[in-house]
């Protein structure tokens, strides 16, 4: 229960205050829609940190140097949305 509350709080922080560093987030491939391709982009680098093989700064939405749950949430909570160009 505590974990769910923490995740909900972090999502509110990210989306209410737009603290992510990557300007393409959540549409990581810049095709105008947040879709499975954006989630796959995060999944491929999930669990990596800056300096490690497989780390992709382009999917580090919050710029903390780690591809983790927060980056995945940043994309997943906007899944299906069409974004303006």
Protein backbone atom coordinates (compact mmCIF):
# COMPACT_ATOMS: atom_id res chain seq x y z
CA UNK A 1 0.00 0.00 0.00
CA UNK A 2 2.85 2.37 0.80
CA UNK A 3 4.47 1.62 -2.56
CA UNK A 4 1.27 2.49 -4.43
CA UNK A 5 0.94 5.77 -2.54
CA UNK A 6 4.57 6.62 -3.32
CA UNK A 7 4.09 5.92 -7.04
CA UNK A 8 0.91 8.00 -7.15
CA UNK A 9 2.69 10.89 -5.43
CA UNK A 10 5.62 10.75 -7.85
CA UNK A 11 3.29 10.71 -10.85
CA UNK A 12 1.53 13.80 -9.51
CA UNK A 13 4.85 15.54 -9.04
CA UNK A 14 6.06 14.72 -12.54
CA UNK A 15 2.87 15.72 -14.31
CA UNK A 16 1.74 18.62 -12.16
CA UNK A 17 5.13 20.30 -12.19
CA UNK A 18 6.64 18.84 -15.39
CA UNK A 19 10.02 18.11 -13.86
CA UNK A 20 11.24 15.73 -16.54
CA UNK A 21 14.41 16.79 -18.34
CA UNK A 22 13.83 15.01 -21.65
CA UNK A 23 11.68 17.29 -23.79
CA UNK A 24 10.56 14.33 -25.96
CA UNK A 25 9.08 12.55 -22.97
CA UNK A 26 6.60 10.86 -23.10
CA UNK A 27 6.63 10.67 -26.93
CA UNK A 28 10.16 9.32 -27.10
CA UNK A 29 10.23 8.59 -30.83
CA UNK A 30 8.51 11.90 -31.71
CA UNK A 31 5.82 10.31 -33.89
CA UNK A 32 3.04 12.37 -32.31
CA UNK A 33 1.45 9.61 -30.24
CA UNK A 34 2.46 7.90 -27.02
CA UNK A 35 2.34 4.22 -27.92
CA UNK A 36 3.95 0.83 -27.45
CA UNK A 37 7.08 1.96 -29.30
CA UNK A 38 7.71 4.55 -26.59
CA UNK A 39 7.24 1.96 -23.85
CA UNK A 40 9.60 -0.43 -25.65
CA UNK A 41 12.21 2.33 -25.79
CA UNK A 42 12.15 2.56 -22.00
CA UNK A 43 12.01 -1.22 -21.55
CA UNK A 44 15.14 -1.79 -23.64
CA UNK A 45 17.20 0.39 -21.28
CA UNK A 46 15.26 -0.37 -18.08
CA UNK A 47 17.52 -0.89 -15.07
CA UNK A 48 20.57 0.80 -16.54
CA UNK A 49 22.43 3.82 -15.20
CA UNK A 50 24.49 6.57 -16.78
CA UNK A 51 27.81 5.10 -17.91
CA UNK A 52 26.52 1.52 -18.20
CA UNK A 53 26.10 -0.36 -21.44
CA UNK A 54 22.53 -0.01 -22.68
CA UNK A 55 21.85 3.31 -20.94
CA UNK A 56 19.97 5.67 -23.26
CA UNK A 57 19.81 9.29 -22.15
CA UNK A 58 16.91 9.84 -24.58
CA UNK A 59 14.58 7.69 -22.44
CA UNK A 60 15.74 9.06 -19.07
CA UNK A 61 12.65 11.27 -18.78
CA UNK A 62 13.49 12.77 -15.41
CA UNK A 63 17.21 13.07 -16.09
CA UNK A 64 18.28 11.32 -12.88
CA UNK A 65 20.80 9.08 -14.64
CA UNK A 66 18.79 5.89 -14.12
CA UNK A 67 16.21 4.27 -16.39
CA UNK A 68 13.69 3.11 -13.82
CA UNK A 69 10.05 2.94 -12.86
CA UNK A 70 9.68 6.72 -12.90
CA UNK A 71 10.68 6.88 -16.56
CA UNK A 72 8.30 4.04 -17.39
CA UNK A 73 5.48 5.77 -15.50
CA UNK A 74 6.18 9.03 -17.34
CA UNK A 75 5.41 7.25 -20.61
CA UNK A 76 2.75 4.79 -19.45
CA UNK A 77 0.47 7.39 -17.85
CA UNK A 78 0.22 9.20 -21.19
CA UNK A 79 -0.23 6.01 -23.26
CA UNK A 80 -2.54 6.50 -26.23
CA UNK A 81 -2.47 10.27 -26.22
CA UNK A 82 -1.93 12.17 -29.43
CA UNK A 83 0.42 15.05 -28.79
CA UNK A 84 0.63 18.35 -30.68
CA UNK A 85 3.63 18.85 -32.93
